[in-house]
Amino acid sequence: MAADTVTLEFLKSFGDAWNRHDLEAIMSHLAADCSFLPSVTVDLVAGGSHGRADVRHGVQAFLAAWPDGRFESLGDFVAGNRGVSEWIFTGTKADGTTLCARGCDVFTFEDGKIKVKDAFRKQLP
């Protein structure tokens, strides 16, 4: 699948995989040399996870930290090899900490997969 054939349905299925906490389905949307740049990082340039094994570990840790975490879709768009998903995330950690954040993922696609997922958010205190 060429980069410009990524569809809104593809992004919806990616979001659905996150809401099911389906690690294999999430990973199936990602390119072999993918990068996941989270909204919270210690390094604005090199922070995040790079490569399938590192990204898989990061996704797995996120899903474990937020066992009831859900993304409510506010809309997606695709333009060539770029795309955006807007969402509201809600979740509760095991210690009772809750989070409600509005954010977006800015994607770069390559060969019909997500090469880069760059997350941005604002959250309630």
N, C-alpha and C. Protein backbone atom coordinates (compact mmCIF):
# COMPACT_ATOMS: atom_id res chain seq x y z
N MET A 1 0.85 -1.17 0.00
CA MET A 1 0.00 0.00 0.00
C MET A 1 0.90 1.24 0.00
N ALA A 2 0.69 2.14 -0.89
CA ALA A 2 1.48 3.36 -0.96
C ALA A 2 1.08 4.33 0.15
N ALA A 3 1.99 5.25 0.51
CA ALA A 3 1.75 6.18 1.60
C ALA A 3 0.48 6.99 1.38
N ASP A 4 0.23 7.38 0.13
CA ASP A 4 -0.93 8.23 -0.12
C ASP A 4 -2.24 7.44 -0.14
N THR A 5 -2.21 6.15 0.14
CA THR A 5 -3.45 5.38 0.21
C THR A 5 -3.88 5.12 1.66
N VAL A 6 -3.15 5.70 2.65
CA VAL A 6 -3.63 5.60 4.03
C VAL A 6 -4.97 6.30 4.10
N THR A 7 -5.92 5.66 4.77
CA THR A 7 -7.30 6.16 4.80
C THR A 7 -7.73 6.53 6.21
N LEU A 8 -8.86 7.20 6.28
CA LEU A 8 -9.46 7.50 7.57
C LEU A 8 -9.84 6.22 8.31
N GLU A 9 -10.24 5.20 7.57
CA GLU A 9 -10.58 3.91 8.18
C GLU A 9 -9.35 3.29 8.84
N PHE A 10 -8.18 3.46 8.22
CA PHE A 10 -6.93 2.97 8.80
C PHE A 10 -6.68 3.64 10.15
N LEU A 11 -6.84 4.98 10.22
CA LEU A 11 -6.63 5.69 11.48
C LEU A 11 -7.67 5.29 12.51
N LYS A 12 -8.91 5.08 12.08
CA LYS A 12 -9.95 4.64 13.01
C LYS A 12 -9.61 3.28 13.58
N SER A 13 -9.13 2.37 12.75
CA SER A 13 -8.80 1.03 13.24
C SER A 13 -7.60 1.09 14.20
N PHE A 14 -6.69 2.04 13.99
CA PHE A 14 -5.57 2.24 14.91
C PHE A 14 -6.09 2.70 16.27
N GLY A 15 -6.99 3.67 16.27
CA GLY A 15 -7.59 4.14 17.52
C GLY A 15 -8.39 3.05 18.22
N ASP A 16 -9.13 2.27 17.45
CA ASP A 16 -9.90 1.16 18.03
C ASP A 16 -8.98 0.14 18.69
N ALA A 17 -7.83 -0.12 18.08
CA ALA A 17 -6.86 -1.07 18.66
C ALA A 17 -6.36 -0.56 20.02
N TRP A 18 -6.10 0.75 20.12
CA TRP A 18 -5.69 1.32 21.41
C TRP A 18 -6.79 1.13 22.44
N ASN A 19 -8.04 1.38 22.07
CA ASN A 19 -9.14 1.26 23.03
C ASN A 19 -9.40 -0.19 23.44
N ARG A 20 -9.04 -1.14 22.61
CA ARG A 20 -9.15 -2.56 22.97
C ARG A 20 -7.92 -3.03 23.75
N HIS A 21 -6.90 -2.17 23.83
CA HIS A 21 -5.62 -2.53 24.45
C HIS A 21 -5.02 -3.74 23.75
N ASP A 22 -5.13 -3.75 22.42
CA ASP A 22 -4.69 -4.86 21.58
C ASP A 22 -3.30 -4.54 21.02
N LEU A 23 -2.28 -4.97 21.74
CA LEU A 23 -0.91 -4.64 21.37
C LEU A 23 -0.56 -5.10 19.95
N GLU A 24 -0.96 -6.31 19.60
CA GLU A 24 -0.63 -6.84 18.26
C GLU A 24 -1.30 -6.01 17.16
N ALA A 25 -2.55 -5.61 17.38
CA ALA A 25 -3.25 -4.79 16.38
C ALA A 25 -2.61 -3.42 16.27
N ILE A 26 -2.21 -2.84 17.40
CA ILE A 26 -1.53 -1.54 17.37
C ILE A 26 -0.25 -1.66 16.54
N MET A 27 0.55 -2.67 16.86
CA MET A 27 1.83 -2.84 16.18
C MET A 27 1.66 -3.13 14.68
N SER A 28 0.56 -3.74 14.30
CA SER A 28 0.35 -4.06 12.88
C SER A 28 0.16 -2.80 12.03
N HIS A 29 -0.12 -1.67 12.66
CA HIS A 29 -0.29 -0.41 11.94
C HIS A 29 1.04 0.33 11.75
N LEU A 30 2.10 -0.15 12.40
CA LEU A 30 3.36 0.59 12.45
C LEU A 30 4.41 0.03 11.50
N ALA A 31 5.18 0.93 10.91
CA ALA A 31 6.28 0.56 10.02
C ALA A 31 7.39 -0.12 10.82
N ALA A 32 8.23 -0.86 10.11
CA ALA A 32 9.33 -1.58 10.76
C ALA A 32 10.28 -0.62 11.49
N ASP A 33 10.50 0.55 10.92
CA ASP A 33 11.42 1.52 11.53
C ASP A 33 10.66 2.70 12.15
N CYS A 34 9.58 2.38 12.86
CA CYS A 34 8.69 3.39 13.41
C CYS A 34 9.31 4.13 14.60
N SER A 35 8.75 5.29 14.87
CA SER A 35 9.09 6.09 16.05
C SER A 35 7.81 6.55 16.71
N PHE A 36 7.81 6.56 18.05
CA PHE A 36 6.68 7.03 18.84
C PHE A 36 7.22 8.12 19.75
N LEU A 37 6.78 9.34 19.51
CA LEU A 37 7.25 10.50 20.27
C LEU A 37 6.13 10.92 21.21
N PRO A 38 6.25 10.59 22.51
CA PRO A 38 5.16 10.87 23.45
C PRO A 38 5.07 12.35 23.80
N SER A 39 3.95 12.74 24.40
CA SER A 39 3.75 14.14 24.77
C SER A 39 4.58 14.52 26.00
N VAL A 40 5.01 13.54 26.77
CA VAL A 40 5.87 13.80 27.92
C VAL A 40 7.19 13.08 27.68
N THR A 41 8.28 13.84 27.68
CA THR A 41 9.59 13.25 27.39
C THR A 41 10.68 14.07 28.07
N VAL A 42 11.83 13.48 28.24
CA VAL A 42 12.96 14.19 28.84
C VAL A 42 13.86 14.84 27.79
N ASP A 43 13.61 14.55 26.53
CA ASP A 43 14.44 15.09 25.45
C ASP A 43 13.53 15.47 24.28
N LEU A 44 13.42 16.76 24.00
CA LEU A 44 12.51 17.23 22.96
C LEU A 44 12.92 16.82 21.56
N VAL A 45 14.19 16.50 21.35
CA VAL A 45 14.66 16.14 20.02
C VAL A 45 14.72 14.63 19.85
N ALA A 46 15.38 13.94 20.76
CA ALA A 46 15.61 12.50 20.59
C ALA A 46 14.71 11.65 21.48
N GLY A 47 13.84 12.26 22.27
CA GLY A 47 13.00 11.50 23.20
C GLY A 47 12.04 10.58 22.49
N GLY A 48 11.55 9.61 23.21
CA GLY A 48 10.58 8.69 22.65
C GLY A 48 11.16 7.33 22.38
N SER A 49 10.42 6.55 21.62
CA SER A 49 10.79 5.18 21.29
C SER A 49 11.06 5.10 19.79
N HIS A 50 12.11 4.36 19.43
CA HIS A 50 12.49 4.26 18.02
C HIS A 50 12.78 2.79 17.68
N GLY A 51 12.18 2.32 16.59
CA GLY A 51 12.31 0.92 16.19
C GLY A 51 11.20 0.08 16.82
N ARG A 52 10.83 -1.00 16.14
CA ARG A 52 9.68 -1.81 16.57
C ARG A 52 9.80 -2.32 18.01
N ALA A 53 10.95 -2.83 18.39
CA ALA A 53 11.09 -3.41 19.73
C ALA A 53 10.92 -2.34 20.81
N ASP A 54 11.55 -1.17 20.60
CA ASP A 54 11.46 -0.08 21.57
C ASP A 54 10.04 0.48 21.62
N VAL A 55 9.42 0.68 20.46
CA VAL A 55 8.05 1.19 20.42
C VAL A 55 7.10 0.19 21.08
N ARG A 56 7.26 -1.08 20.77
CA ARG A 56 6.42 -2.12 21.39
C ARG A 56 6.51 -2.06 22.92
N HIS A 57 7.72 -1.94 23.43
CA HIS A 57 7.93 -1.85 24.87
C HIS A 57 7.20 -0.62 25.44
N GLY A 58 7.32 0.53 24.76
CA GLY A 58 6.67 1.75 25.21
C GLY A 58 5.16 1.65 25.20
N VAL A 59 4.60 1.08 24.13
CA VAL A 59 3.15 0.91 24.03
C VAL A 59 2.67 -0.04 25.14
N GLN A 60 3.38 -1.12 25.33
CA GLN A 60 3.02 -2.10 26.36
C GLN A 60 3.02 -1.44 27.75
N ALA A 61 4.02 -0.62 28.03
CA ALA A 61 4.10 0.08 29.31
C ALA A 61 2.93 1.06 29.48
N PHE A 62 2.57 1.77 28.41
CA PHE A 62 1.45 2.71 28.46
C PHE A 62 0.15 1.96 28.76
N LEU A 63 -0.09 0.87 28.05
CA LEU A 63 -1.32 0.10 28.25
C LEU A 63 -1.38 -0.47 29.67
N ALA A 64 -0.25 -0.90 30.21
CA ALA A 64 -0.22 -1.43 31.58
C ALA A 64 -0.48 -0.32 32.61
N ALA A 65 0.06 0.87 32.35
CA ALA A 65 -0.10 1.99 33.29
C ALA A 65 -1.54 2.50 33.34
N TRP A 66 -2.25 2.40 32.24
CA TRP A 66 -3.63 2.92 32.13
C TRP A 66 -4.56 1.78 31.71
N PRO A 67 -4.84 0.82 32.61
CA PRO A 67 -5.61 -0.37 32.23
C PRO A 67 -7.04 -0.09 31.75
N ASP A 68 -7.60 1.06 32.14
CA ASP A 68 -8.94 1.41 31.66
C ASP A 68 -8.89 2.59 30.69
N GLY A 69 -7.70 2.93 30.21
CA GLY A 69 -7.52 4.09 29.34
C GLY A 69 -8.32 3.98 28.04
N ARG A 70 -8.93 5.11 27.65
CA ARG A 70 -9.74 5.15 26.43
C ARG A 70 -9.51 6.48 25.71
N PHE A 71 -9.50 6.39 24.39
CA PHE A 71 -9.40 7.57 23.54
C PHE A 71 -10.74 7.80 22.87
N GLU A 72 -11.32 8.96 23.10
CA GLU A 72 -12.54 9.36 22.39
C GLU A 72 -12.10 10.16 21.17
N SER A 73 -12.45 9.68 20.00
CA SER A 73 -12.03 10.35 18.77
C SER A 73 -12.81 11.66 18.57
N LEU A 74 -12.07 12.71 18.25
CA LEU A 74 -12.67 14.00 17.91
C LEU A 74 -12.55 14.28 16.42
N GLY A 75 -11.91 13.37 15.70
CA GLY A 75 -11.77 13.53 14.26
C GLY A 75 -10.36 13.23 13.79
N ASP A 76 -10.27 12.83 12.54
CA ASP A 76 -9.01 12.48 11.90
C ASP A 76 -8.95 13.14 10.53
N PHE A 77 -7.74 13.33 10.03
CA PHE A 77 -7.60 13.68 8.61
C PHE A 77 -6.29 13.12 8.08
N VAL A 78 -6.29 12.87 6.79
CA VAL A 78 -5.12 12.37 6.08
C VAL A 78 -4.88 13.29 4.90
N ALA A 79 -3.62 13.67 4.70
CA ALA A 79 -3.23 14.50 3.55
C ALA A 79 -1.90 13.97 3.03
N GLY A 80 -1.96 13.14 2.00
CA GLY A 80 -0.73 12.55 1.46
C GLY A 80 -0.09 11.62 2.47
N ASN A 81 1.18 11.89 2.80
CA ASN A 81 1.87 11.01 3.74
C ASN A 81 1.83 11.54 5.17
N ARG A 82 0.90 12.44 5.46
CA ARG A 82 0.74 12.99 6.82
C ARG A 82 -0.71 12.83 7.25
N GLY A 83 -0.92 12.82 8.55
CA GLY A 83 -2.26 12.72 9.08
C GLY A 83 -2.30 13.17 10.53
N VAL A 84 -3.51 13.39 11.04
CA VAL A 84 -3.72 13.81 12.42
C VAL A 84 -4.94 13.11 12.97
N SER A 85 -4.84 12.67 14.22
CA SER A 85 -5.99 12.19 14.98
C SER A 85 -6.12 13.07 16.21
N GLU A 86 -7.32 13.65 16.42
CA GLU A 86 -7.60 14.43 17.62
C GLU A 86 -8.41 13.55 18.56
N TRP A 87 -8.14 13.69 19.89
CA TRP A 87 -8.78 12.79 20.85
C TRP A 87 -8.86 13.41 22.23
N ILE A 88 -9.70 12.80 23.06
CA ILE A 88 -9.70 13.04 24.50
C ILE A 88 -9.39 11.70 25.15
N PHE A 89 -8.35 11.68 25.98
CA PHE A 89 -7.96 10.45 26.69
C PHE A 89 -8.42 10.55 28.13
N THR A 90 -9.01 9.48 28.64
CA THR A 90 -9.34 9.36 30.06
C THR A 90 -8.83 8.02 30.55
N GLY A 91 -8.32 8.02 31.77
CA GLY A 91 -7.83 6.77 32.33
C GLY A 91 -7.52 6.91 33.80
N THR A 92 -7.38 5.75 34.44
CA THR A 92 -7.07 5.66 35.87
C THR A 92 -5.92 4.69 36.06
N LYS A 93 -4.89 5.11 36.79
CA LYS A 93 -3.77 4.23 37.12
C LYS A 93 -4.16 3.35 38.31
N ALA A 94 -3.38 2.33 38.57
CA ALA A 94 -3.64 1.40 39.67
C ALA A 94 -3.68 2.12 41.02
N ASP A 95 -2.91 3.21 41.16
CA ASP A 95 -2.88 3.95 42.43
C ASP A 95 -4.04 4.93 42.58
N GLY A 96 -4.94 4.95 41.59
CA GLY A 96 -6.11 5.83 41.64
C GLY A 96 -5.93 7.16 40.94
N THR A 97 -4.72 7.46 40.48
CA THR A 97 -4.48 8.69 39.73
C THR A 97 -5.31 8.68 38.46
N THR A 98 -6.03 9.78 38.21
CA THR A 98 -6.82 9.87 36.99
C THR A 98 -6.23 10.91 36.06
N LEU A 99 -6.53 10.75 34.80
CA LEU A 99 -6.05 11.69 33.79
C LEU A 99 -7.16 11.93 32.78
N CYS A 100 -7.36 13.20 32.46
CA CYS A 100 -8.24 13.58 31.36
C CYS A 100 -7.44 14.59 30.54
N ALA A 101 -7.18 14.25 29.29
CA ALA A 101 -6.35 15.11 28.45
C ALA A 101 -6.93 15.18 27.05
N ARG A 102 -6.84 16.34 26.47
CA ARG A 102 -7.20 16.51 25.06
C ARG A 102 -5.90 16.60 24.29
N GLY A 103 -5.84 15.89 23.16
CA GLY A 103 -4.60 15.92 22.41
C GLY A 103 -4.76 15.51 20.97
N CYS A 104 -3.63 15.35 20.34
CA CYS A 104 -3.62 14.90 18.96
C CYS A 104 -2.34 14.13 18.69
N ASP A 105 -2.42 13.26 17.73
CA ASP A 105 -1.25 12.56 17.20
C ASP A 105 -1.02 13.07 15.80
N VAL A 106 0.19 13.48 15.52
CA VAL A 106 0.59 13.90 14.18
C VAL A 106 1.38 12.74 13.60
N PHE A 107 0.90 12.21 12.47
CA PHE A 107 1.49 11.02 11.88
C PHE A 107 2.26 11.34 10.60
N THR A 108 3.31 10.57 10.39
CA THR A 108 3.97 10.49 9.09
C THR A 108 3.81 9.04 8.64
N PHE A 109 3.34 8.85 7.41
CA PHE A 109 3.10 7.51 6.86
C PHE A 109 4.18 7.15 5.86
N GLU A 110 4.45 5.85 5.78
CA GLU A 110 5.37 5.34 4.77
C GLU A 110 4.91 3.94 4.37
N ASP A 111 4.70 3.73 3.09
CA ASP A 111 4.26 2.42 2.58
C ASP A 111 3.01 1.91 3.27
N GLY A 112 2.06 2.82 3.53
CA GLY A 112 0.78 2.43 4.10
C GLY A 112 0.78 2.13 5.58
N LYS A 113 1.87 2.47 6.27
CA LYS A 113 1.99 2.24 7.71
C LYS A 113 2.37 3.55 8.40
N ILE A 114 2.26 3.56 9.73
CA ILE A 114 2.67 4.72 10.51
C ILE A 114 4.17 4.63 10.77
N LYS A 115 4.91 5.60 10.25
CA LYS A 115 6.35 5.66 10.48
C LYS A 115 6.64 6.46 11.75
N VAL A 116 5.93 7.58 11.93
CA VAL A 116 6.12 8.42 13.11
C VAL A 116 4.76 8.75 13.70
N LYS A 117 4.63 8.56 15.02
CA LYS A 117 3.46 8.99 15.80
C LYS A 117 3.98 9.98 16.82
N ASP A 118 3.64 11.25 16.62
CA ASP A 118 4.12 12.33 17.48
C ASP A 118 2.93 12.89 18.24
N ALA A 119 2.88 12.68 19.56
CA ALA A 119 1.73 13.04 20.38
C ALA A 119 1.89 14.40 21.06
N PHE A 120 0.80 15.14 21.13
CA PHE A 120 0.74 16.43 21.80
C PHE A 120 -0.52 16.44 22.65
N ARG A 121 -0.46 17.08 23.83
CA ARG A 121 -1.66 17.10 24.67
C ARG A 121 -1.68 18.30 25.61
N LYS A 122 -2.90 18.60 26.07
CA LYS A 122 -3.09 19.51 27.20
C LYS A 122 -4.02 18.78 28.15
N GLN A 123 -3.81 18.95 29.44
CA GLN A 123 -4.58 18.17 30.38
C GLN A 123 -5.10 19.04 31.51
N LEU A 124 -6.13 18.52 32.14
CA LEU A 124 -6.68 19.19 33.32
C LEU A 124 -5.75 18.96 34.49
N PRO A 125 -5.60 19.96 35.37
CA PRO A 125 -4.71 19.78 36.54
C PRO A 125 -5.30 18.79 37.53
